[in-house]
PDB file of N, CA and C in Angstrom:
ATOM      1  N   UNK A   1       1.676 -71.600 118.673  1.00  0.00           N
ATOM      2  CA  UNK A   1       1.943 -71.142 117.371  1.00  0.00           C
ATOM      3  C   UNK A   1       2.538 -72.232 116.491  1.00  0.00           C
ATOM      4  N   UNK A   2       3.274 -73.089 117.036  1.00  0.00           N
ATOM      5  CA  UNK A   2       3.866 -74.181 116.289  1.00  0.00           C
ATOM      6  C   UNK A   2       2.787 -75.149 115.810  1.00  0.00           C
ATOM      7  N   UNK A   3       1.831 -75.375 116.648  1.00  0.00           N
ATOM      8  CA  UNK A   3       0.770 -76.287 116.246  1.00  0.00           C
ATOM      9  C   UNK A   3      -0.037 -75.643 115.130  1.00  0.00           C
ATOM     10  N   UNK A   4      -0.279 -74.389 115.255  1.00  0.00           N
ATOM     11  CA  UNK A   4      -1.036 -73.704 114.209  1.00  0.00           C
ATOM     12  C   UNK A   4      -0.264 -73.734 112.892  1.00  0.00           C
ATOM     13  N   UNK A   5       1.018 -73.522 113.004  1.00  0.00           N
ATOM     14  CA  UNK A   5       1.871 -73.559 111.811  1.00  0.00           C
ATOM     15  C   UNK A   5       1.914 -74.951 111.221  1.00  0.00           C
ATOM     16  N   UNK A   6       2.035 -75.920 112.079  1.00  0.00           N
ATOM     17  CA  UNK A   6       2.058 -77.303 111.611  1.00  0.00           C
ATOM     18  C   UNK A   6       0.722 -77.659 110.987  1.00  0.00           C
ATOM     19  N   UNK A   7      -0.358 -77.217 111.606  1.00  0.00           N
ATOM     20  CA  UNK A   7      -1.690 -77.502 111.065  1.00  0.00           C
ATOM     21  C   UNK A   7      -1.870 -76.808 109.727  1.00  0.00           C
ATOM     22  N   UNK A   8      -1.417 -75.582 109.617  1.00  0.00           N
ATOM     23  CA  UNK A   8      -1.516 -74.858 108.349  1.00  0.00           C
ATOM     24  C   UNK A   8      -0.666 -75.534 107.300  1.00  0.00           C
ATOM     25  N   UNK A   9       0.561 -75.875 107.706  1.00  0.00           N
ATOM     26  CA  UNK A   9       1.449 -76.547 106.761  1.00  0.00           C
ATOM     27  C   UNK A   9       0.873 -77.895 106.333  1.00  0.00           C
ATOM     28  N   UNK A  10       0.342 -78.658 107.280  1.00  0.00           N
ATOM     29  CA  UNK A  10      -0.268 -79.961 106.973  1.00  0.00           C
ATOM     30  C   UNK A  10      -1.480 -79.755 106.086  1.00  0.00           C
ATOM     31  N   UNK A  11      -2.283 -78.733 106.340  1.00  0.00           N
ATOM     32  CA  UNK A  11      -3.456 -78.427 105.506  1.00  0.00           C
ATOM     33  C   UNK A  11      -3.045 -78.100 104.087  1.00  0.00           C
ATOM     34  N   UNK A  12      -1.998 -77.267 103.992  1.00  0.00           N
ATOM     35  CA  UNK A  12      -1.496 -76.925 102.661  1.00  0.00           C
ATOM     36  C   UNK A  12      -0.946 -78.153 101.949  1.00  0.00           C
ATOM     37  N   UNK A  13      -0.212 -78.972 102.701  1.00  0.00           N
ATOM     38  CA  UNK A  13       0.376 -80.170 102.119  1.00  0.00           C
ATOM     39  C   UNK A  13      -0.709 -81.133 101.652  1.00  0.00           C
ATOM     40  N   UNK A  14      -1.655 -81.433 102.508  1.00  0.00           N
ATOM     41  CA  UNK A  14      -2.739 -82.352 102.123  1.00  0.00           C
ATOM     42  C   UNK A  14      -3.615 -81.761 101.029  1.00  0.00           C
ATOM     43  N   UNK A  15      -3.851 -80.470 101.080  1.00  0.00           N
ATOM     44  CA  UNK A  15      -4.623 -79.800 100.013  1.00  0.00           C
ATOM     45  C   UNK A  15      -3.893 -79.885  98.686  1.00  0.00           C
ATOM     46  N   UNK A  16      -2.563 -79.665  98.727  1.00  0.00           N
ATOM     47  CA  UNK A  16      -1.763 -79.755  97.501  1.00  0.00           C
ATOM     48  C   UNK A  16      -1.773 -81.176  96.963  1.00  0.00           C
ATOM     49  N   UNK A  17      -1.625 -82.144  97.892  1.00  0.00           N
ATOM     50  CA  UNK A  17      -1.642 -83.546  97.459  1.00  0.00           C
ATOM     51  C   UNK A  17      -3.004 -83.893  96.854  1.00  0.00           C
ATOM     52  N   UNK A  18      -4.064 -83.464  97.489  1.00  0.00           N
ATOM     53  CA  UNK A  18      -5.423 -83.716  96.970  1.00  0.00           C
ATOM     54  C   UNK A  18      -5.616 -83.081  95.599  1.00  0.00           C
ATOM     55  N   UNK A  19      -5.152 -81.808  95.475  1.00  0.00           N
ATOM     56  CA  UNK A  19      -5.256 -81.110  94.183  1.00  0.00           C
ATOM     57  C   UNK A  19      -4.431 -81.822  93.135  1.00  0.00           C
ATOM     58  N   UNK A  20      -3.214 -82.237  93.503  1.00  0.00           N
ATOM     59  CA  UNK A  20      -2.343 -82.957  92.582  1.00  0.00           C
ATOM     60  C   UNK A  20      -2.995 -84.262  92.122  1.00  0.00           C
ATOM     61  N   UNK A  21      -3.571 -85.009  93.055  1.00  0.00           N
ATOM     62  CA  UNK A  21      -4.240 -86.263  92.694  1.00  0.00           C
ATOM     63  C   UNK A  21      -5.446 -86.002  91.784  1.00  0.00           C
ATOM     64  N   UNK A  22      -6.193 -84.961  92.097  1.00  0.00           N
ATOM     65  CA  UNK A  22      -7.356 -84.622  91.270  1.00  0.00           C
ATOM     66  C   UNK A  22      -6.920 -84.228  89.866  1.00  0.00           C
ATOM     67  N   UNK A  23      -5.895 -83.366  89.785  1.00  0.00           N
ATOM     68  CA  UNK A  23      -5.391 -82.935  88.475  1.00  0.00           C
ATOM     69  C   UNK A  23      -4.837 -84.143  87.708  1.00  0.00           C
ATOM     70  N   UNK A  24      -4.072 -85.012  88.414  1.00  0.00           N
ATOM     71  CA  UNK A  24      -3.501 -86.194  87.766  1.00  0.00           C
ATOM     72  C   UNK A  24      -4.608 -87.104  87.215  1.00  0.00           C
ATOM     73  N   UNK A  25      -5.662 -87.327  88.001  1.00  0.00           N
ATOM     74  CA  UNK A  25      -6.778 -88.160  87.532  1.00  0.00           C
ATOM     75  C   UNK A  25      -7.501 -87.503  86.358  1.00  0.00           C
ATOM     76  N   UNK A  26      -7.622 -86.191  86.426  1.00  0.00           N
ATOM     77  CA  UNK A  26      -8.265 -85.462  85.332  1.00  0.00           C
ATOM     78  C   UNK A  26      -7.434 -85.578  84.042  1.00  0.00           C
ATOM     79  N   UNK A  27      -6.113 -85.427  84.169  1.00  0.00           N
ATOM     80  CA  UNK A  27      -5.220 -85.562  83.015  1.00  0.00           C
ATOM     81  C   UNK A  27      -5.295 -86.982  82.464  1.00  0.00           C
ATOM     82  N   UNK A  28      -5.315 -87.981  83.350  1.00  0.00           N
ATOM     83  CA  UNK A  28      -5.456 -89.367  82.899  1.00  0.00           C
ATOM     84  C   UNK A  28      -6.767 -89.576  82.139  1.00  0.00           C
ATOM     85  N   UNK A  29      -7.829 -88.990  82.659  1.00  0.00           N
ATOM     86  CA  UNK A  29      -9.129 -89.130  81.990  1.00  0.00           C
ATOM     87  C   UNK A  29      -9.111 -88.447  80.619  1.00  0.00           C
ATOM     88  N   UNK A  30      -8.504 -87.274  80.553  1.00  0.00           N
ATOM     89  CA  UNK A  30      -8.375 -86.577  79.264  1.00  0.00           C
ATOM     90  C   UNK A  30      -7.557 -87.419  78.287  1.00  0.00           C
ATOM     91  N   UNK A  31      -6.443 -87.990  78.763  1.00  0.00           N
ATOM     92  CA  UNK A  31      -5.623 -88.854  77.910  1.00  0.00           C
ATOM     93  C   UNK A  31      -6.414 -90.075  77.448  1.00  0.00           C
ATOM     94  N   UNK A  32      -7.171 -90.666  78.369  1.00  0.00           N
ATOM     95  CA  UNK A  32      -7.982 -91.835  78.023  1.00  0.00           C
ATOM     96  C   UNK A  32      -9.028 -91.469  76.973  1.00  0.00           C
ATOM     97  N   UNK A  33      -9.697 -90.322  77.163  1.00  0.00           N
ATOM     98  CA  UNK A  33     -10.708 -89.874  76.197  1.00  0.00           C
ATOM     99  C   UNK A  33     -10.074 -89.630  74.825  1.00  0.00           C
ATOM    100  N   UNK A  34      -8.921 -88.973  74.817  1.00  0.00           N
ATOM    101  CA  UNK A  34      -8.244 -88.708  73.550  1.00  0.00           C
ATOM    102  C   UNK A  34      -7.797 -90.005  72.871  1.00  0.00           C
ATOM    103  N   UNK A  35      -7.303 -90.944  73.674  1.00  0.00           N
ATOM    104  CA  UNK A  35      -6.879 -92.230  73.128  1.00  0.00           C
ATOM    105  C   UNK A  35      -8.074 -92.957  72.505  1.00  0.00           C
ATOM    106  N   UNK A  36      -9.213 -92.941  73.205  1.00  0.00           N
ATOM    107  CA  UNK A  36     -10.423 -93.590  72.666  1.00  0.00           C
ATOM    108  C   UNK A  36     -10.886 -92.914  71.376  1.00  0.00           C
ATOM    109  N   UNK A  37     -10.875 -91.566  71.379  1.00  0.00           N
ATOM    110  CA  UNK A  37     -11.257 -90.847  70.164  1.00  0.00           C
ATOM    111  C   UNK A  37     -10.293 -91.157  69.024  1.00  0.00           C
ATOM    112  N   UNK A  38      -9.003 -91.224  69.338  1.00  0.00           N
ATOM    113  CA  UNK A  38      -7.977 -91.516  68.324  1.00  0.00           C
ATOM    114  C   UNK A  38      -8.186 -92.923  67.750  1.00  0.00           C
ATOM    115  N   UNK A  39      -8.432 -93.890  68.646  1.00  0.00           N
ATOM    116  CA  UNK A  39      -8.673 -95.260  68.183  1.00  0.00           C
ATOM    117  C   UNK A  39      -9.949 -95.353  67.353  1.00  0.00           C
ATOM    118  N   UNK A  40     -10.989 -94.631  67.778  1.00  0.00           N
ATOM    119  CA  UNK A  40     -12.237 -94.620  67.000  1.00  0.00           C
ATOM    120  C   UNK A  40     -11.998 -94.029  65.616  1.00  0.00           C
ATOM    121  N   UNK A  41     -11.227 -92.966  65.541  1.00  0.00           N
ATOM    122  CA  UNK A  41     -10.937 -92.325  64.252  1.00  0.00           C
ATOM    123  C   UNK A  41     -10.093 -93.249  63.370  1.00  0.00           C
ATOM    124  N   UNK A  42      -9.119 -93.915  63.983  1.00  0.00           N
ATOM    125  CA  UNK A  42      -8.302 -94.862  63.216  1.00  0.00           C
ATOM    126  C   UNK A  42      -9.179 -96.002  62.700  1.00  0.00           C
ATOM    127  N   UNK A  43     -10.050 -96.535  63.559  1.00  0.00           N
ATOM    128  CA  UNK A  43     -10.969 -97.602  63.129  1.00  0.00           C
ATOM    129  C   UNK A  43     -11.898 -97.119  62.025  1.00  0.00           C
ATOM    130  N   UNK A  44     -12.420 -95.916  62.176  1.00  0.00           N
ATOM    131  CA  UNK A  44     -13.325 -95.377  61.159  1.00  0.00           C
ATOM    132  C   UNK A  44     -12.602 -95.232  59.821  1.00  0.00           C
ATOM    133  N   UNK A  45     -11.384 -94.701  59.875  1.00  0.00           N
ATOM    134  CA  UNK A  45     -10.622 -94.534  58.638  1.00  0.00           C
ATOM    135  C   UNK A  45     -10.236 -95.871  58.025  1.00  0.00           C
ATOM    136  N   UNK A  46      -9.873 -96.837  58.865  1.00  0.00           N
ATOM    137  CA  UNK A  46      -9.507 -98.151  58.321  1.00  0.00           C
ATOM    138  C   UNK A  46     -10.734 -98.833  57.717  1.00  0.00           C
ATOM    139  N   UNK A  47     -11.899 -98.685  58.352  1.00  0.00           N
ATOM    140  CA  UNK A  47     -13.124 -99.247  57.785  1.00  0.00           C
ATOM    141  C   UNK A  47     -13.478 -98.549  56.477  1.00  0.00           C
ATOM    142  N   UNK A  48     -13.260 -97.251  56.428  1.00  0.00           N
ATOM    143  CA  UNK A  48     -13.520 -96.516  55.194  1.00  0.00           C
ATOM    144  C   UNK A  48     -12.581 -96.999  54.093  1.00  0.00           C
ATOM    145  N   UNK A  49     -11.314 -97.253  54.434  1.00  0.00           N
ATOM    146  CA  UNK A  49     -10.351 -97.763  53.443  1.00  0.00           C
ATOM    147  C   UNK A  49     -10.764 -99.147  52.958  1.00  0.00           C
ATOM    148  N   UNK A  50     -11.203-100.000  53.887  1.00  0.00           N
ATOM    149  CA  UNK A  50     -11.633-101.342  53.507  1.00  0.00           C
ATOM    150  C   UNK A  50     -12.847-101.260  52.581  1.00  0.00           C
ATOM    151  N   UNK A  51     -13.807-100.399  52.930  1.00  0.00           N
ATOM    152  CA  UNK A  51     -14.989-100.235  52.082  1.00  0.00           C
ATOM    153  C   UNK A  51     -14.614 -99.666  50.717  1.00  0.00           C
ATOM    154  N   UNK A  52     -13.697 -98.726  50.702  1.00  0.00           N
ATOM    155  CA  UNK A  52     -13.243 -98.150  49.439  1.00  0.00           C
ATOM    156  C   UNK A  52     -12.562 -99.217  48.580  1.00  0.00           C
ATOM    157  N   UNK A  53     -11.730-100.026  49.230  1.00  0.00           N
ATOM    158  CA  UNK A  53     -11.046-101.104  48.501  1.00  0.00           C
ATOM    159  C   UNK A  53     -12.062-102.097  47.949  1.00  0.00           C
ATOM    160  N   UNK A  54     -13.044-102.475  48.779  1.00  0.00           N
ATOM    161  CA  UNK A  54     -14.065-103.433  48.334  1.00  0.00           C
ATOM    162  C   UNK A  54     -14.886-102.854  47.181  1.00  0.00           C
ATOM    163  N   UNK A  55     -15.239-101.580  47.286  1.00  0.00           N
ATOM    164  CA  UNK A  55     -16.008-100.949  46.214  1.00  0.00           C
ATOM    165  C   UNK A  55     -15.189-100.891  44.929  1.00  0.00           C
ATOM    166  N   UNK A  56     -13.913-100.559  45.051  1.00  0.00           N
ATOM    167  CA  UNK A  56     -13.034-100.506  43.882  1.00  0.00           C
ATOM    168  C   UNK A  56     -12.900-101.895  43.260  1.00  0.00           C
ATOM    169  N   UNK A  57     -12.724-102.899  44.096  1.00  0.00           N
ATOM    170  CA  UNK A  57     -12.599-104.280  43.616  1.00  0.00           C
ATOM    171  C   UNK A  57     -13.881-104.720  42.904  1.00  0.00           C
ATOM    172  N   UNK A  58     -15.042-104.409  43.501  1.00  0.00           N
ATOM    173  CA  UNK A  58     -16.320-104.752  42.869  1.00  0.00           C
ATOM    174  C   UNK A  58     -16.482-104.031  41.542  1.00  0.00           C
ATOM    175  N   UNK A  59     -16.108-102.754  41.506  1.00  0.00           N
ATOM    176  CA  UNK A  59     -16.220-101.982  40.267  1.00  0.00           C
ATOM    177  C   UNK A  59     -15.337-102.584  39.180  1.00  0.00           C
ATOM    178  N   UNK A  60     -14.094-102.927  39.531  1.00  0.00           N
ATOM    179  CA  UNK A  60     -13.196-103.518  38.545  1.00  0.00           C
ATOM    180  C   UNK A  60     -13.702-104.873  38.085  1.00  0.00           C
ATOM    181  N   UNK A  61     -14.298-105.629  39.007  1.00  0.00           N
ATOM    182  CA  UNK A  61     -14.877-106.928  38.644  1.00  0.00           C
ATOM    183  C   UNK A  61     -16.023-106.732  37.646  1.00  0.00           C
ATOM    184  N   UNK A  62     -16.892-105.789  37.936  1.00  0.00           N
ATOM    185  CA  UNK A  62     -17.999-105.501  37.024  1.00  0.00           C
ATOM    186  C   UNK A  62     -17.493-104.993  35.677  1.00  0.00           C
ATOM    187  N   UNK A  63     -16.454-104.187  35.723  1.00  0.00           N
ATOM    188  CA  UNK A  63     -15.878-103.666  34.484  1.00  0.00           C
ATOM    189  C   UNK A  63     -15.294-104.805  33.641  1.00  0.00           C
ATOM    190  N   UNK A  64     -14.589-105.750  34.299  1.00  0.00           N
ATOM    191  CA  UNK A  64     -14.051-106.908  33.564  1.00  0.00           C
ATOM    192  C   UNK A  64     -15.184-107.752  32.989  1.00  0.00           C
ATOM    193  N   UNK A  65     -16.246-107.942  33.783  1.00  0.00           N
ATOM    194  CA  UNK A  65     -17.400-108.700  33.281  1.00  0.00           C
ATOM    195  C   UNK A  65     -18.009-108.023  32.063  1.00  0.00           C
ATOM    196  N   UNK A  66     -18.124-106.710  32.113  1.00  0.00           N
ATOM    197  CA  UNK A  66     -18.688-105.976  30.979  1.00  0.00           C
ATOM    198  C   UNK A  66     -17.810-106.144  29.744  1.00  0.00           C
ATOM    199  N   UNK A  67     -16.502-106.085  29.920  1.00  0.00           N
ATOM    200  CA  UNK A  67     -15.588-106.283  28.791  1.00  0.00           C
ATOM    201  C   UNK A  67     -15.732-107.691  28.223  1.00  0.00           C
ATOM    202  N   UNK A  68     -15.859-108.693  29.094  1.00  0.00           N
ATOM    203  CA  UNK A  68     -16.031-110.064  28.637  1.00  0.00           C
ATOM    204  C   UNK A  68     -17.354-110.226  27.889  1.00  0.00           C
ATOM    205  N   UNK A  69     -18.396-109.569  28.375  1.00  0.00           N
ATOM    206  CA  UNK A  69     -19.689-109.631  27.698  1.00  0.00           C
ATOM    207  C   UNK A  69     -19.592-108.984  26.322  1.00  0.00           C
ATOM    208  N   UNK A  70     -18.907-107.839  26.236  1.00  0.00           N
ATOM    209  CA  UNK A  70     -18.715-107.180  24.946  1.00  0.00           C
ATOM    210  C   UNK A  70     -17.982-108.099  23.973  1.00  0.00           C
ATOM    211  N   UNK A  71     -16.923-108.755  24.456  1.00  0.00           N
ATOM    212  CA  UNK A  71     -16.165-109.664  23.601  1.00  0.00           C
ATOM    213  C   UNK A  71     -17.034-110.836  23.158  1.00  0.00           C
ATOM    214  N   UNK A  72     -17.843-111.362  24.074  1.00  0.00           N
ATOM    215  CA  UNK A  72     -18.729-112.480  23.736  1.00  0.00           C
ATOM    216  C   UNK A  72     -19.751-112.061  22.686  1.00  0.00           C
ATOM    217  N   UNK A  73     -20.315-110.872  22.851  1.00  0.00           N
ATOM    218  CA  UNK A  73     -21.295-110.377  21.875  1.00  0.00           C
ATOM    219  C   UNK A  73     -20.635-110.188  20.521  1.00  0.00           C
ATOM    220  N   UNK A  74     -19.407-109.663  20.506  1.00  0.00           N
ATOM    221  CA  UNK A  74     -18.695-109.483  19.240  1.00  0.00           C
ATOM    222  C   UNK A  74     -18.447-110.834  18.575  1.00  0.00           C
ATOM    223  N   UNK A  75     -18.034-111.840  19.377  1.00  0.00           N
ATOM    224  CA  UNK A  75     -17.826-113.177  18.818  1.00  0.00           C
ATOM    225  C   UNK A  75     -19.128-113.751  18.262  1.00  0.00           C
ATOM    226  N   UNK A  76     -20.227-113.545  18.988  1.00  0.00           N
ATOM    227  CA  UNK A  76     -21.526-114.029  18.498  1.00  0.00           C
ATOM    228  C   UNK A  76     -21.922-113.325  17.208  1.00  0.00           C
ATOM    229  N   UNK A  77     -21.674-112.018  17.127  1.00  0.00           N
ATOM    230  CA  UNK A  77     -21.994-111.281  15.905  1.00  0.00           C
ATOM    231  C   UNK A  77     -21.123-111.764  14.748  1.00  0.00           C
ATOM    232  N   UNK A  78     -19.842-111.990  15.001  1.00  0.00           N
ATOM    233  CA  UNK A  78     -18.958-112.503  13.954  1.00  0.00           C
ATOM    234  C   UNK A  78     -19.421-113.879  13.496  1.00  0.00           C
ATOM    235  N   UNK A  79     -19.796-114.721  14.450  1.00  0.00           N
ATOM    236  CA  UNK A  79     -20.279-116.060  14.119  1.00  0.00           C
ATOM    237  C   UNK A  79     -21.568-115.983  13.305  1.00  0.00           C
ATOM    238  N   UNK A  80     -22.446-115.074  13.674  1.00  0.00           N
ATOM    239  CA  UNK A  80     -23.706-114.903  12.941  1.00  0.00           C
ATOM    240  C   UNK A  80     -23.423-114.428  11.514  1.00  0.00           C
ATOM    241  N   UNK A  81     -22.493-113.490  11.353  1.00  0.00           N
ATOM    242  CA  UNK A  81     -22.137-113.030  10.007  1.00  0.00           C
ATOM    243  C   UNK A  81     -21.563-114.176   9.188  1.00  0.00           C
ATOM    244  N   UNK A  82     -20.734-115.001   9.812  1.00  0.00           N
ATOM    245  CA  UNK A  82     -20.169-116.155   9.113  1.00  0.00           C
ATOM    246  C   UNK A  82     -21.289-117.119   8.697  1.00  0.00           C
ATOM    247  N   UNK A  83     -22.239-117.352   9.607  1.00  0.00           N
ATOM    248  CA  UNK A  83     -23.366-118.236   9.282  1.00  0.00           C
ATOM    249  C   UNK A  83     -24.211-117.649   8.158  1.00  0.00           C
ATOM    250  N   UNK A  84     -24.417-116.329   8.174  1.00  0.00           N
ATOM    251  CA  UNK A  84     -25.182-115.690   7.103  1.00  0.00           C
ATOM    252  C   UNK A  84     -24.475-115.849   5.761  1.00  0.00           C
ATOM    253  N   UNK A  85     -23.154-115.668   5.748  1.00  0.00           N
ATOM    254  CA  UNK A  85     -22.400-115.856   4.503  1.00  0.00           C
ATOM    255  C   UNK A  85     -22.504-117.303   4.026  1.00  0.00           C
ATOM    256  N   UNK A  86     -22.392-118.246   4.968  1.00  0.00           N
ATOM    257  CA  UNK A  86     -22.507-119.660   4.607  1.00  0.00           C
ATOM    258  C   UNK A  86     -23.892-119.964   4.056  1.00  0.00           C
ATOM    259  N   UNK A  87     -24.917-119.385   4.648  1.00  0.00           N
ATOM    260  CA  UNK A  87     -26.288-119.587   4.183  1.00  0.00           C
ATOM    261  C   UNK A  87     -26.463-119.033   2.777  1.00  0.00           C
ATOM    262  N   UNK A  88     -25.902-117.871   2.514  1.00  0.00           N
ATOM    263  CA  UNK A  88     -25.981-117.288   1.173  1.00  0.00           C
ATOM    264  C   UNK A  88     -25.265-118.194   0.170  1.00  0.00           C
ATOM    265  N   UNK A  89     -24.102-118.721   0.565  1.00  0.00           N
ATOM    266  CA  UNK A  89     -23.378-119.637  -0.314  1.00  0.00           C
ATOM    267  C   UNK A  89     -24.205-120.875  -0.600  1.00  0.00           C
ATOM    268  N   UNK A  90     -24.829-121.437   0.444  1.00  0.00           N
ATOM    269  CA  UNK A  90     -25.671-122.627   0.255  1.00  0.00           C
ATOM    270  C   UNK A  90     -26.852-122.318  -0.659  1.00  0.00           C
ATOM    271  N   UNK A  91     -27.493-121.166  -0.435  1.00  0.00           N
ATOM    272  CA  UNK A  91     -28.621-120.789  -1.301  1.00  0.00           C
ATOM    273  C   UNK A  91     -28.160-120.658  -2.750  1.00  0.00           C
ATOM    274  N   UNK A  92     -27.005-120.059  -2.948  1.00  0.00           N
ATOM    275  CA  UNK A  92     -26.466-119.904  -4.298  1.00  0.00           C
ATOM    276  C   UNK A  92     -26.209-121.272  -4.926  1.00  0.00           C
ATOM    277  N   UNK A  93     -25.615-122.202  -4.155  1.00  0.00           N
ATOM    278  CA  UNK A  93     -25.347-123.544  -4.673  1.00  0.00           C
ATOM    279  C   UNK A  93     -26.632-124.278  -5.015  1.00  0.00           C
ATOM    280  N   UNK A  94     -27.632-124.169  -4.147  1.00  0.00           N
ATOM    281  CA  UNK A  94     -28.922-124.833  -4.397  1.00  0.00           C
ATOM    282  C   UNK A  94     -29.561-124.266  -5.652  1.00  0.00           C
ATOM    283  N   UNK A  95     -29.538-122.951  -5.803  1.00  0.00           N
ATOM    284  CA  UNK A  95     -30.115-122.335  -7.004  1.00  0.00           C
ATOM    285  C   UNK A  95     -29.346-122.774  -8.253  1.00  0.00           C
ATOM    286  N   UNK A  96     -28.008-122.836  -8.143  1.00  0.00           N
ATOM    287  CA  UNK A  96     -27.198-123.258  -9.288  1.00  0.00           C
ATOM    288  C   UNK A  96     -27.519-124.706  -9.644  1.00  0.00           C
ATOM    289  N   UNK A  97     -27.636-125.575  -8.629  1.00  0.00           N
ATOM    290  CA  UNK A  97     -27.988-126.973  -8.899  1.00  0.00           C
ATOM    291  C   UNK A  97     -29.384-127.079  -9.505  1.00  0.00           C
ATOM    292  N   UNK A  98     -30.290-126.273  -9.021  1.00  0.00           N
ATOM    293  CA  UNK A  98     -31.653-126.281  -9.562  1.00  0.00           C
ATOM    294  C   UNK A  98     -31.626-125.884 -11.035  1.00  0.00           C
ATOM    295  N   UNK A  99     -30.903-124.820 -11.358  1.00  0.00           N
ATOM    296  CA  UNK A  99     -30.832-124.375 -12.746  1.00  0.00           C
ATOM    297  C   UNK A  99     -30.116-125.403 -13.618  1.00  0.00           C
ATOM    298  N   UNK A 100     -29.064-126.027 -13.098  1.00  0.00           N
ATOM    299  CA  UNK A 100     -28.371-127.062 -13.869  1.00  0.00           C
ATOM    300  C   UNK A 100     -29.290-128.253 -14.108  1.00  0.00           C
ATOM    301  N   UNK A 101     -30.039-128.630 -13.089  1.00  0.00           N
ATOM    302  CA  UNK A 101     -30.982-129.736 -13.246  1.00  0.00           C
ATOM    303  C   UNK A 101     -32.030-129.389 -14.290  1.00  0.00           C
ATOM    304  N   UNK A 102     -32.536-128.156 -14.262  1.00  0.00           N
ATOM    305  CA  UNK A 102     -33.523-127.727 -15.257  1.00  0.00           C
ATOM    306  C   UNK A 102     -32.908-127.710 -16.655  1.00  0.00           C
ATOM    307  N   UNK A 103     -31.648-127.269 -16.738  1.00  0.00           N
ATOM    308  CA  UNK A 103     -30.989-127.244 -18.048  1.00  0.00           C
ATOM    309  C   UNK A 103     -30.804-128.655 -18.585  1.00  0.00           C
ATOM    310  N   UNK A 104     -30.394-129.584 -17.716  1.00  0.00           N
ATOM    311  CA  UNK A 104     -30.229-130.978 -18.145  1.00  0.00           C
ATOM    312  C   UNK A 104     -31.573-131.566 -18.553  1.00  0.00           C
ATOM    313  N   UNK A 105     -32.599-131.285 -17.795  1.00  0.00           N
ATOM    314  CA  UNK A 105     -33.935-131.786 -18.134  1.00  0.00           C
ATOM    315  C   UNK A 105     -34.399-131.213 -19.459  1.00  0.00           C
ATOM    316  N   UNK A 106     -34.103-129.938 -19.706  1.00  0.00           N
ATOM    317  CA  UNK A 106     -34.506-129.323 -20.974  1.00  0.00           C
ATOM    318  C   UNK A 106     -33.760-129.967 -22.132  1.00  0.00           C
ATOM    319  N   UNK A 107     -32.469-130.265 -21.951  1.00  0.00           N
ATOM    320  CA  UNK A 107     -31.699-130.928 -23.010  1.00  0.00           C
ATOM    321  C   UNK A 107     -32.255-132.320 -23.292  1.00  0.00           C
ATOM    322  N   UNK A 108     -32.602-133.034 -22.230  1.00  0.00           N
ATOM    323  CA  UNK A 108     -33.178-134.377 -22.415  1.00  0.00           C
ATOM    324  C   UNK A 108     -34.495-134.283 -23.152  1.00  0.00           C
ATOM    325  N   UNK A 109     -35.324-133.306 -22.769  1.00  0.00           N
ATOM    326  CA  UNK A 109     -36.618-133.135 -23.439  1.00  0.00           C
ATOM    327  C   UNK A 109     -36.413-132.782 -24.908  1.00  0.00           C
ATOM    328  N   UNK A 110     -35.433-131.932 -25.179  1.00  0.00           N
ATOM    329  CA  UNK A 110     -35.204-131.500 -26.555  1.00  0.00           C
ATOM    330  C   UNK A 110     -34.669-132.648 -27.403  1.00  0.00           C
ATOM    331  N   UNK A 111     -33.830-133.445 -26.846  1.00  0.00           N
ATOM    332  CA  UNK A 111     -33.224-134.503 -27.653  1.00  0.00           C
ATOM    333  C   UNK A 111     -34.114-135.731 -27.779  1.00  0.00           C
ATOM    334  N   UNK A 112     -34.951-135.990 -26.811  1.00  0.00           N
ATOM    335  CA  UNK A 112     -35.781-137.195 -26.874  1.00  0.00           C
ATOM    336  C   UNK A 112     -37.238-136.880 -27.122  1.00  0.00           C
ATOM    337  N   UNK A 113     -37.538-135.657 -27.134  1.00  0.00           N
ATOM    338  CA  UNK A 113     -38.945-135.307 -27.290  1.00  0.00           C
ATOM    339  C   UNK A 113     -39.713-135.581 -26.019  1.00  0.00           C
ATOM    340  N   UNK A 114     -39.034-135.598 -24.916  1.00  0.00           N
ATOM    341  CA  UNK A 114     -39.660-135.846 -23.620  1.00  0.00           C
ATOM    342  C   UNK A 114     -39.183-137.166 -23.069  1.00  0.00           C
ATOM    343  N   UNK A 115     -39.602-137.475 -21.924  1.00  0.00           N
ATOM    344  CA  UNK A 115     -39.196-138.741 -21.322  1.00  0.00           C
ATOM    345  C   UNK A 115     -39.909-139.857 -22.056  1.00  0.00           C
ATOM    346  N   UNK A 116     -39.181-140.928 -22.267  1.00  0.00           N
ATOM    347  CA  UNK A 116     -39.846-142.034 -22.949  1.00  0.00           C
ATOM    348  C   UNK A 116     -41.013-142.535 -22.106  1.00  0.00           C
ATOM    349  N   UNK A 117     -42.085-142.845 -22.823  1.00  0.00           N
ATOM    350  CA  UNK A 117     -43.262-143.305 -22.120  1.00  0.00           C
ATOM    351  C   UNK A 117     -43.161-144.813 -21.918  1.00  0.00           C
ATOM    352  N   UNK A 118     -43.697-145.180 -20.838  1.00  0.00           N
ATOM    353  CA  UNK A 118     -43.736-146.611 -20.551  1.00  0.00           C
ATOM    354  C   UNK A 118     -44.848-147.248 -21.408  1.00  0.00           C
ATOM    355  N   UNK A 119     -44.525-148.376 -21.911  1.00  0.00           N
ATOM    356  CA  UNK A 119     -45.593-149.021 -22.688  1.00  0.00           C
ATOM    357  C   UNK A 119     -46.775-149.302 -21.764  1.00  0.00           C
ATOM    358  N   UNK A 120     -47.934-149.056 -22.287  1.00  0.00           N
ATOM    359  CA  UNK A 120     -49.130-149.261 -21.490  1.00  0.00           C
ATOM    360  C   UNK A 120     -49.526-150.715 -21.550  1.00  0.00           C
ATOM    361  N   UNK A 121     -49.877-151.190 -20.497  1.00  0.00           N
ATOM    362  CA  UNK A 121     -50.309-152.582 -20.411  1.00  0.00           C
ATOM    363  C   UNK A 121     -51.819-152.618 -20.571  1.00  0.00           C
ATOM    364  N   UNK A 122     -52.175-153.514 -21.381  1.00  0.00           N
ATOM    365  CA  UNK A 122     -53.626-153.616 -21.631  1.00  0.00           C
ATOM    366  C   UNK A 122     -54.266-154.513 -20.663  1.00  0.00           C
TER     367      UNK A 122
END
């Protein structure tokens, strides 16, 4: 009876140890799986943050470029308006000089009866 009891006790002990080792390995595997999933999720979120930051940075860069282009176009339009005003002023001056020249020529014609003729050489 003692041997049977010892065998039963040893069976229970070894069975418990085997079950404990199996459960412990299973818990370790579950922890490992959860740790891997957690790290994957952290990596995914960090990559998403990096992509979001890069997209935001690119958008702001494009927005600044657009503002600079708008300012450049405004400067070009202002410069063109200035050139148009200068051109109008020049046209006005040329017309005024033309009319003054015509007026002077008319006065010369009126006072001299025209430009003096060169004596003709025979």
